[in-house]
Amino acid sequence: MLLKWDEAIIAYMQYGEFLGKEEPIDDITRRVAECKNGLELTKNPIKVKIENLGLAINTKNPEYNPLITADEAELFFTSRGPAVRATKQILKILSTSKIFIPVKE
């Protein structure tokens, strides 16, 4: 994977200049910030382990963007599965994805 953060930042800035002030540039500002974050994060990479948590959490549907709280007490993730799950832990529907908060029963 080629990580050309500096080149991406320059390209986004040039595109923003091309659009001028008449067009909303919030997306460009966000993308530049993402590139700067990527630049910093890739300076000190960390090892992560992606692990299927089994049928208590994972389903046959696409699930992604897991987030564990710092105290490891809560897990949040998005899913493109059905709107209703057996545990009914739906927090909010965002577009076609749902955010789930699994809880111990």
N, C-alpha and C. Protein backbone atom coordinates (compact mmCIF):
# COMPACT_ATOMS: atom_id res chain seq x y z
N MET A 1 0.84 -1.17 0.00
CA MET A 1 0.00 0.00 0.00
C MET A 1 0.89 1.24 0.00
N LEU A 2 0.68 2.09 -0.95
CA LEU A 2 1.46 3.32 -1.04
C LEU A 2 0.80 4.41 -0.20
N LEU A 3 1.54 4.91 0.76
CA LEU A 3 1.01 5.93 1.66
C LEU A 3 1.61 7.28 1.29
N LYS A 4 1.00 7.94 0.35
CA LYS A 4 1.51 9.22 -0.15
C LYS A 4 0.70 10.36 0.47
N TRP A 5 0.80 10.48 1.80
CA TRP A 5 0.02 11.47 2.53
C TRP A 5 0.30 12.89 2.06
N ASP A 6 1.58 13.23 1.92
CA ASP A 6 1.94 14.60 1.52
C ASP A 6 1.37 14.94 0.14
N GLU A 7 1.46 13.99 -0.78
CA GLU A 7 0.93 14.22 -2.12
C GLU A 7 -0.60 14.38 -2.09
N ALA A 8 -1.25 13.59 -1.24
CA ALA A 8 -2.70 13.68 -1.12
C ALA A 8 -3.11 15.04 -0.55
N ILE A 9 -2.38 15.51 0.45
CA ILE A 9 -2.68 16.81 1.05
C ILE A 9 -2.56 17.91 0.00
N ILE A 10 -1.49 17.87 -0.78
CA ILE A 10 -1.30 18.88 -1.84
C ILE A 10 -2.43 18.80 -2.85
N ALA A 11 -2.81 17.59 -3.25
CA ALA A 11 -3.88 17.43 -4.23
C ALA A 11 -5.22 17.96 -3.69
N TYR A 12 -5.52 17.67 -2.43
CA TYR A 12 -6.77 18.18 -1.85
C TYR A 12 -6.75 19.70 -1.77
N MET A 13 -5.62 20.27 -1.38
CA MET A 13 -5.52 21.73 -1.28
C MET A 13 -5.70 22.37 -2.66
N GLN A 14 -5.09 21.78 -3.69
CA GLN A 14 -5.23 22.31 -5.05
C GLN A 14 -6.69 22.21 -5.50
N TYR A 15 -7.34 21.13 -5.17
CA TYR A 15 -8.74 20.96 -5.54
C TYR A 15 -9.60 22.01 -4.84
N GLY A 16 -9.30 22.26 -3.56
CA GLY A 16 -10.02 23.29 -2.83
C GLY A 16 -9.86 24.66 -3.46
N GLU A 17 -8.65 24.97 -3.90
CA GLU A 17 -8.40 26.24 -4.58
C GLU A 17 -9.17 26.31 -5.90
N PHE A 18 -9.23 25.18 -6.60
CA PHE A 18 -9.97 25.10 -7.86
C PHE A 18 -11.46 25.39 -7.64
N LEU A 19 -12.02 24.83 -6.55
CA LEU A 19 -13.44 25.04 -6.26
C LEU A 19 -13.74 26.48 -5.88
N GLY A 20 -12.80 27.12 -5.22
CA GLY A 20 -13.02 28.48 -4.76
C GLY A 20 -13.88 28.51 -3.52
N LYS A 21 -14.23 29.69 -3.09
CA LYS A 21 -14.98 29.85 -1.85
C LYS A 21 -16.48 29.67 -2.04
N GLU A 22 -16.94 29.59 -3.27
CA GLU A 22 -18.37 29.44 -3.52
C GLU A 22 -18.86 28.03 -3.20
N GLU A 23 -17.99 27.05 -3.29
CA GLU A 23 -18.37 25.67 -3.01
C GLU A 23 -18.03 25.32 -1.56
N PRO A 24 -18.82 24.46 -0.92
CA PRO A 24 -18.47 24.03 0.44
C PRO A 24 -17.19 23.20 0.42
N ILE A 25 -16.25 23.53 1.29
CA ILE A 25 -14.98 22.81 1.30
C ILE A 25 -14.77 22.05 2.62
N ASP A 26 -15.86 21.84 3.37
CA ASP A 26 -15.75 21.08 4.62
C ASP A 26 -15.19 19.69 4.38
N ASP A 27 -15.61 19.06 3.27
CA ASP A 27 -15.12 17.72 2.96
C ASP A 27 -13.62 17.75 2.69
N ILE A 28 -13.15 18.74 2.00
CA ILE A 28 -11.72 18.85 1.70
C ILE A 28 -10.93 19.06 2.99
N THR A 29 -11.43 19.93 3.86
CA THR A 29 -10.77 20.17 5.15
C THR A 29 -10.68 18.88 5.95
N ARG A 30 -11.77 18.10 5.95
CA ARG A 30 -11.79 16.82 6.67
C ARG A 30 -10.79 15.85 6.05
N ARG A 31 -10.75 15.78 4.74
CA ARG A 31 -9.82 14.86 4.06
C ARG A 31 -8.36 15.23 4.34
N VAL A 32 -8.06 16.51 4.36
CA VAL A 32 -6.69 16.96 4.68
C VAL A 32 -6.36 16.55 6.11
N ALA A 33 -7.30 16.73 7.03
CA ALA A 33 -7.08 16.33 8.42
C ALA A 33 -6.85 14.83 8.52
N GLU A 34 -7.61 14.04 7.76
CA GLU A 34 -7.42 12.58 7.75
C GLU A 34 -6.03 12.22 7.24
N CYS A 35 -5.56 12.91 6.22
CA CYS A 35 -4.21 12.65 5.69
C CYS A 35 -3.15 12.99 6.73
N LYS A 36 -3.33 14.10 7.43
CA LYS A 36 -2.38 14.48 8.47
C LYS A 36 -2.38 13.46 9.60
N ASN A 37 -3.55 12.96 9.97
CA ASN A 37 -3.63 11.90 10.97
C ASN A 37 -2.93 10.64 10.48
N GLY A 38 -3.18 10.27 9.24
CA GLY A 38 -2.52 9.10 8.67
C GLY A 38 -1.02 9.23 8.66
N LEU A 39 -0.54 10.42 8.33
CA LEU A 39 0.89 10.69 8.33
C LEU A 39 1.48 10.46 9.72
N GLU A 40 0.82 10.97 10.74
CA GLU A 40 1.31 10.81 12.11
C GLU A 40 1.20 9.36 12.59
N LEU A 41 0.08 8.72 12.31
CA LEU A 41 -0.14 7.36 12.79
C LEU A 41 0.82 6.35 12.15
N THR A 42 1.20 6.57 10.91
CA THR A 42 2.11 5.62 10.24
C THR A 42 3.55 5.80 10.68
N LYS A 43 3.84 6.86 11.41
CA LYS A 43 5.20 7.03 11.94
C LYS A 43 5.50 6.03 13.04
N ASN A 44 4.48 5.63 13.78
CA ASN A 44 4.63 4.68 14.89
C ASN A 44 3.54 3.62 14.82
N PRO A 45 3.66 2.69 13.86
CA PRO A 45 2.62 1.68 13.71
C PRO A 45 2.55 0.74 14.91
N ILE A 46 1.36 0.23 15.17
CA ILE A 46 1.18 -0.75 16.23
C ILE A 46 0.58 -2.01 15.65
N LYS A 47 0.84 -3.14 16.29
CA LYS A 47 0.27 -4.40 15.84
C LYS A 47 -1.12 -4.54 16.42
N VAL A 48 -2.04 -5.00 15.59
CA VAL A 48 -3.40 -5.27 16.05
C VAL A 48 -3.78 -6.68 15.62
N LYS A 49 -4.69 -7.26 16.36
CA LYS A 49 -5.18 -8.59 16.03
C LYS A 49 -6.67 -8.48 15.76
N ILE A 50 -7.08 -8.85 14.58
CA ILE A 50 -8.49 -8.86 14.22
C ILE A 50 -9.00 -10.27 14.45
N GLU A 51 -9.99 -10.38 15.31
CA GLU A 51 -10.45 -11.69 15.71
C GLU A 51 -11.97 -11.76 15.68
N ASN A 52 -12.50 -12.80 15.06
CA ASN A 52 -13.93 -13.05 15.06
C ASN A 52 -14.33 -13.43 16.48
N LEU A 53 -15.35 -12.76 17.03
CA LEU A 53 -15.75 -13.00 18.42
C LEU A 53 -16.80 -14.09 18.56
N GLY A 54 -17.09 -14.77 17.47
CA GLY A 54 -18.03 -15.89 17.54
C GLY A 54 -19.48 -15.46 17.40
N LEU A 55 -20.37 -16.42 17.47
CA LEU A 55 -21.80 -16.18 17.22
C LEU A 55 -22.46 -15.27 18.24
N ALA A 56 -21.87 -15.09 19.41
CA ALA A 56 -22.46 -14.19 20.40
C ALA A 56 -22.41 -12.74 19.91
N ILE A 57 -21.47 -12.43 19.03
CA ILE A 57 -21.31 -11.08 18.50
C ILE A 57 -21.43 -11.07 16.98
N ASN A 58 -20.56 -11.82 16.30
CA ASN A 58 -20.50 -11.79 14.84
C ASN A 58 -21.62 -12.59 14.20
N THR A 59 -22.02 -12.15 13.00
CA THR A 59 -23.03 -12.85 12.22
C THR A 59 -22.46 -13.14 10.84
N LYS A 60 -23.29 -13.63 9.95
CA LYS A 60 -22.85 -13.88 8.57
C LYS A 60 -22.79 -12.59 7.77
N ASN A 61 -23.32 -11.49 8.30
CA ASN A 61 -23.38 -10.21 7.60
C ASN A 61 -22.08 -9.42 7.74
N PRO A 62 -21.84 -8.48 6.84
CA PRO A 62 -20.64 -7.64 6.95
C PRO A 62 -20.69 -6.78 8.22
N GLU A 63 -19.66 -6.87 9.04
CA GLU A 63 -19.55 -6.08 10.26
C GLU A 63 -18.16 -5.45 10.27
N TYR A 64 -18.10 -4.18 10.63
CA TYR A 64 -16.83 -3.48 10.52
C TYR A 64 -16.78 -2.30 11.47
N ASN A 65 -15.65 -1.60 11.49
CA ASN A 65 -15.42 -0.42 12.33
C ASN A 65 -15.62 -0.69 13.82
N PRO A 66 -15.01 -1.75 14.36
CA PRO A 66 -15.17 -1.99 15.79
C PRO A 66 -14.45 -0.91 16.60
N LEU A 67 -15.02 -0.59 17.74
CA LEU A 67 -14.43 0.37 18.66
C LEU A 67 -14.62 -0.17 20.06
N ILE A 68 -13.53 -0.30 20.79
CA ILE A 68 -13.58 -0.76 22.18
C ILE A 68 -13.21 0.42 23.05
N THR A 69 -13.99 0.65 24.10
CA THR A 69 -13.69 1.75 25.01
C THR A 69 -12.37 1.48 25.72
N ALA A 70 -11.73 2.54 26.22
CA ALA A 70 -10.42 2.43 26.86
C ALA A 70 -10.42 1.43 28.01
N ASP A 71 -11.52 1.35 28.74
CA ASP A 71 -11.57 0.40 29.87
C ASP A 71 -12.00 -1.00 29.42
N GLU A 72 -12.18 -1.19 28.11
CA GLU A 72 -12.57 -2.45 27.49
C GLU A 72 -13.91 -2.97 27.99
N ALA A 73 -14.75 -2.08 28.50
CA ALA A 73 -16.05 -2.48 29.03
C ALA A 73 -17.12 -2.53 27.95
N GLU A 74 -16.95 -1.76 26.86
CA GLU A 74 -17.97 -1.71 25.83
C GLU A 74 -17.35 -1.86 24.44
N LEU A 75 -18.12 -2.49 23.57
CA LEU A 75 -17.74 -2.69 22.18
C LEU A 75 -18.83 -2.09 21.31
N PHE A 76 -18.44 -1.30 20.32
CA PHE A 76 -19.37 -0.74 19.35
C PHE A 76 -18.90 -1.20 17.97
N PHE A 77 -19.84 -1.48 17.06
CA PHE A 77 -19.47 -1.82 15.70
C PHE A 77 -20.64 -1.54 14.78
N THR A 78 -20.35 -1.44 13.50
CA THR A 78 -21.41 -1.24 12.52
C THR A 78 -21.65 -2.54 11.77
N SER A 79 -22.86 -2.67 11.25
CA SER A 79 -23.23 -3.88 10.53
C SER A 79 -24.17 -3.53 9.40
N ARG A 80 -24.09 -4.27 8.33
CA ARG A 80 -25.04 -4.14 7.23
C ARG A 80 -26.04 -5.29 7.27
N GLY A 81 -26.23 -5.84 8.44
CA GLY A 81 -27.16 -6.94 8.61
C GLY A 81 -28.59 -6.45 8.75
N PRO A 82 -29.50 -7.35 9.07
CA PRO A 82 -30.91 -6.99 9.23
C PRO A 82 -31.08 -5.96 10.35
N ALA A 83 -32.17 -5.22 10.30
CA ALA A 83 -32.41 -4.16 11.29
C ALA A 83 -32.75 -4.72 12.67
N VAL A 84 -33.11 -5.98 12.76
CA VAL A 84 -33.45 -6.57 14.05
C VAL A 84 -32.55 -7.76 14.30
N ARG A 85 -31.94 -7.77 15.47
CA ARG A 85 -31.10 -8.89 15.88
C ARG A 85 -31.72 -9.50 17.13
N ALA A 86 -31.36 -10.70 17.45
CA ALA A 86 -31.92 -11.37 18.62
C ALA A 86 -31.67 -10.57 19.90
N THR A 87 -30.53 -9.90 20.01
CA THR A 87 -30.22 -9.17 21.24
C THR A 87 -30.78 -7.75 21.22
N LYS A 88 -31.24 -7.27 20.08
CA LYS A 88 -31.89 -5.96 19.93
C LYS A 88 -31.06 -4.82 20.53
N GLN A 89 -29.78 -4.74 20.19
CA GLN A 89 -28.90 -3.69 20.70
C GLN A 89 -28.66 -2.60 19.67
N ILE A 90 -29.65 -2.27 18.86
CA ILE A 90 -29.47 -1.25 17.84
C ILE A 90 -29.50 0.12 18.51
N LEU A 91 -28.48 0.91 18.26
CA LEU A 91 -28.43 2.26 18.83
C LEU A 91 -29.04 3.27 17.87
N LYS A 92 -28.61 3.22 16.63
CA LYS A 92 -29.03 4.25 15.69
C LYS A 92 -28.84 3.71 14.27
N ILE A 93 -29.74 4.03 13.39
CA ILE A 93 -29.59 3.62 12.00
C ILE A 93 -28.92 4.76 11.24
N LEU A 94 -27.82 4.45 10.61
CA LEU A 94 -27.10 5.43 9.79
C LEU A 94 -27.07 4.90 8.37
N SER A 95 -27.85 5.51 7.51
CA SER A 95 -27.89 5.09 6.12
C SER A 95 -28.31 3.63 6.07
N THR A 96 -27.51 2.78 5.40
CA THR A 96 -27.84 1.35 5.36
C THR A 96 -27.10 0.58 6.43
N SER A 97 -26.25 1.25 7.21
CA SER A 97 -25.52 0.59 8.28
C SER A 97 -26.19 0.87 9.61
N LYS A 98 -26.03 -0.06 10.52
CA LYS A 98 -26.55 0.11 11.86
C LYS A 98 -25.38 0.05 12.83
N ILE A 99 -25.50 0.74 13.96
CA ILE A 99 -24.49 0.66 15.01
C ILE A 99 -25.05 -0.25 16.08
N PHE A 100 -24.27 -1.23 16.50
CA PHE A 100 -24.70 -2.20 17.52
C PHE A 100 -23.84 -2.03 18.76
N ILE A 101 -24.46 -2.20 19.91
CA ILE A 101 -23.74 -2.24 21.17
C ILE A 101 -24.11 -3.56 21.83
N PRO A 102 -23.25 -4.56 21.74
CA PRO A 102 -23.56 -5.83 22.39
C PRO A 102 -23.44 -5.69 23.91
N VAL A 103 -24.32 -6.34 24.64
CA VAL A 103 -24.26 -6.32 26.10
C VAL A 103 -24.32 -7.74 26.64
N LYS A 104 -23.72 -7.94 27.79
CA LYS A 104 -23.80 -9.25 28.43
C LYS A 104 -25.20 -9.42 29.00
N GLU A 105 -25.72 -10.62 28.88
CA GLU A 105 -27.06 -10.88 29.42
C GLU A 105 -26.93 -11.76 30.63
